[in-house]
Amino acid sequence: MEAVGYERLTGPQRVVFCGHLFDAEVCNGGLMQVFGNSSGAVAVDTLDALRGIRHPEAHAALDTAMRLVGPAAREPDQDRRLAAFAGRGRYDRLRAGFDPLERASYDTKGR
C-alpha cells in the first residue's frame, strides 16, 4: 500500500488492507481510533471488506458505530470526521455506545 497508494490497490488487496487496519486500530485504541486516524478515510471500504471476509461481528461493530457517529463517519476528511466527536457530552455518549461493540469484536479473536 505504501509503495503504490490506496487507490492503486486491487480489490482483494484493499480487502486485506482494510480488514487488517480495522483489526489493528480496534485492538490498539478501539473504534474511536478507527475514526480518529487515517483509517477512517476508508471506513466505507472497510465495512464492505468485513462483509466480504465474512466477519459479521466486526462488520456489525463498524456498521453500528458508523450509525452512531452519523454522516461524518463516511467522511474521508479527518477534520470533518473528528467534528462529530466535538463536545464532551457527545464524546462520552459515543464512547459508551462503542464499548459493547468493541467487546463483541474482541470476543471473536482466534476464530
Protein backbone atom coordinates (compact mmCIF):
# COMPACT_ATOMS: atom_id res chain seq x y z
CA MET A 1 0.00 0.00 0.00
CA GLU A 2 2.80 2.40 0.84
CA ALA A 3 4.51 1.67 -2.48
CA VAL A 4 1.55 2.30 -4.78
CA GLY A 5 -1.06 4.11 -2.67
CA TYR A 6 -4.52 3.02 -1.67
CA GLU A 7 -6.18 3.99 -4.94
CA ARG A 8 -3.93 1.66 -6.94
CA LEU A 9 -4.53 -1.42 -4.79
CA THR A 10 -6.52 -4.22 -6.36
CA GLY A 11 -9.89 -5.15 -4.88
CA PRO A 12 -8.50 -8.13 -2.94
CA GLN A 13 -5.56 -6.04 -1.71
CA ARG A 14 -7.98 -3.42 -0.41
CA VAL A 15 -9.96 -6.09 1.43
CA VAL A 16 -6.81 -7.35 3.16
CA PHE A 17 -5.58 -3.83 3.89
CA CYS A 18 -8.90 -2.62 5.30
CA GLY A 19 -9.52 -5.77 7.33
CA HIS A 20 -6.06 -5.67 8.84
CA LEU A 21 -6.22 -1.93 9.51
CA PHE A 22 -9.59 -2.24 11.25
CA ASP A 23 -8.32 -5.02 13.50
CA ALA A 24 -5.12 -3.12 14.31
CA GLU A 25 -6.96 0.11 15.12
CA VAL A 26 -9.62 -1.55 17.29
CA CYS A 27 -7.02 -3.58 19.18
CA ASN A 28 -4.83 -0.52 19.68
CA GLY A 29 -7.37 2.11 20.64
CA GLY A 30 -10.89 0.96 19.91
CA LEU A 31 -13.44 2.29 17.48
CA MET A 32 -12.59 5.87 18.43
CA GLN A 33 -9.19 5.26 16.91
CA VAL A 34 -10.73 3.97 13.68
CA PHE A 35 -12.49 7.29 13.16
CA GLY A 36 -9.74 9.48 14.60
CA ASN A 37 -6.91 8.14 12.47
CA SER A 38 -6.43 7.98 8.73
CA SER A 39 -8.18 4.58 8.74
CA GLY A 40 -11.46 6.48 8.99
CA ALA A 41 -10.93 7.69 5.43
CA VAL A 42 -11.62 4.15 4.23
CA ALA A 43 -14.41 3.29 6.69
CA VAL A 44 -16.92 2.62 3.92
CA ASP A 45 -14.50 0.29 2.12
CA THR A 46 -13.69 -1.36 5.44
CA LEU A 47 -17.35 -2.08 6.02
CA ASP A 48 -17.50 -3.81 2.64
CA ALA A 49 -14.25 -5.68 3.37
CA LEU A 50 -15.53 -7.02 6.70
CA ARG A 51 -18.68 -8.25 4.97
CA GLY A 52 -16.56 -9.80 2.21
CA ILE A 53 -14.35 -11.75 4.61
CA ARG A 54 -17.46 -12.89 6.47
CA HIS A 55 -16.66 -11.32 9.82
CA PRO A 56 -20.19 -10.48 10.98
CA GLU A 57 -19.17 -9.31 14.46
CA ALA A 58 -16.62 -6.81 13.16
CA HIS A 59 -18.99 -5.74 10.39
CA ALA A 60 -21.80 -5.18 12.89
CA ALA A 61 -19.46 -3.25 15.20
CA LEU A 62 -18.32 -0.88 12.47
CA ASP A 63 -21.78 -0.55 10.92
CA THR A 64 -23.36 0.32 14.26
CA ALA A 65 -20.51 2.68 15.18
CA MET A 66 -20.90 4.48 11.86
CA ARG A 67 -24.62 4.91 12.51
CA LEU A 68 -23.91 6.27 16.00
CA VAL A 69 -21.43 8.79 14.60
CA GLY A 70 -23.77 9.82 11.80
CA PRO A 71 -22.92 11.11 8.31
CA ALA A 72 -19.44 12.26 9.39
CA ALA A 73 -18.44 8.59 9.77
CA ARG A 74 -18.40 8.34 5.97
CA GLU A 75 -16.33 11.48 5.60
CA PRO A 76 -12.86 10.86 4.13
CA ASP A 77 -11.61 14.17 5.57
CA GLN A 78 -10.21 13.58 9.06
CA ASP A 79 -11.08 17.03 10.41
CA ARG A 80 -14.69 16.66 9.31
CA ARG A 81 -14.88 13.20 10.87
CA LEU A 82 -13.46 14.47 14.14
CA ALA A 83 -16.04 17.26 14.28
CA ALA A 84 -18.63 14.55 15.01
CA PHE A 85 -16.86 13.93 18.33
CA ALA A 86 -16.79 17.58 19.41
CA GLY A 87 -18.07 18.29 22.88
CA ARG A 88 -17.53 16.20 25.98
CA GLY A 89 -21.14 15.01 26.15
CA ARG A 90 -21.12 13.81 22.53
CA TYR A 91 -17.76 12.10 23.01
CA ASP A 92 -18.95 10.35 26.19
CA ARG A 93 -22.15 9.11 24.51
CA LEU A 94 -20.21 7.72 21.56
CA ARG A 95 -17.64 6.13 23.85
CA ALA A 96 -20.42 4.42 25.84
CA GLY A 97 -22.04 3.22 22.61
CA PHE A 98 -18.75 1.87 21.29
CA ASP A 99 -17.83 -0.17 24.38
CA PRO A 100 -20.18 -3.14 23.77
CA LEU A 101 -19.32 -3.12 20.06
CA GLU A 102 -15.62 -3.37 20.83
CA ARG A 103 -16.19 -6.19 23.34
CA ALA A 104 -18.14 -8.17 20.74
CA SER A 105 -15.32 -7.68 18.24
CA TYR A 106 -12.63 -8.65 20.79
CA ASP A 107 -14.57 -11.82 21.64
CA THR A 108 -14.01 -13.09 18.09
CA LYS A 109 -10.21 -13.18 18.37
CA GLY A 110 -8.77 -16.51 17.33
CA ARG A 111 -11.71 -17.54 15.17
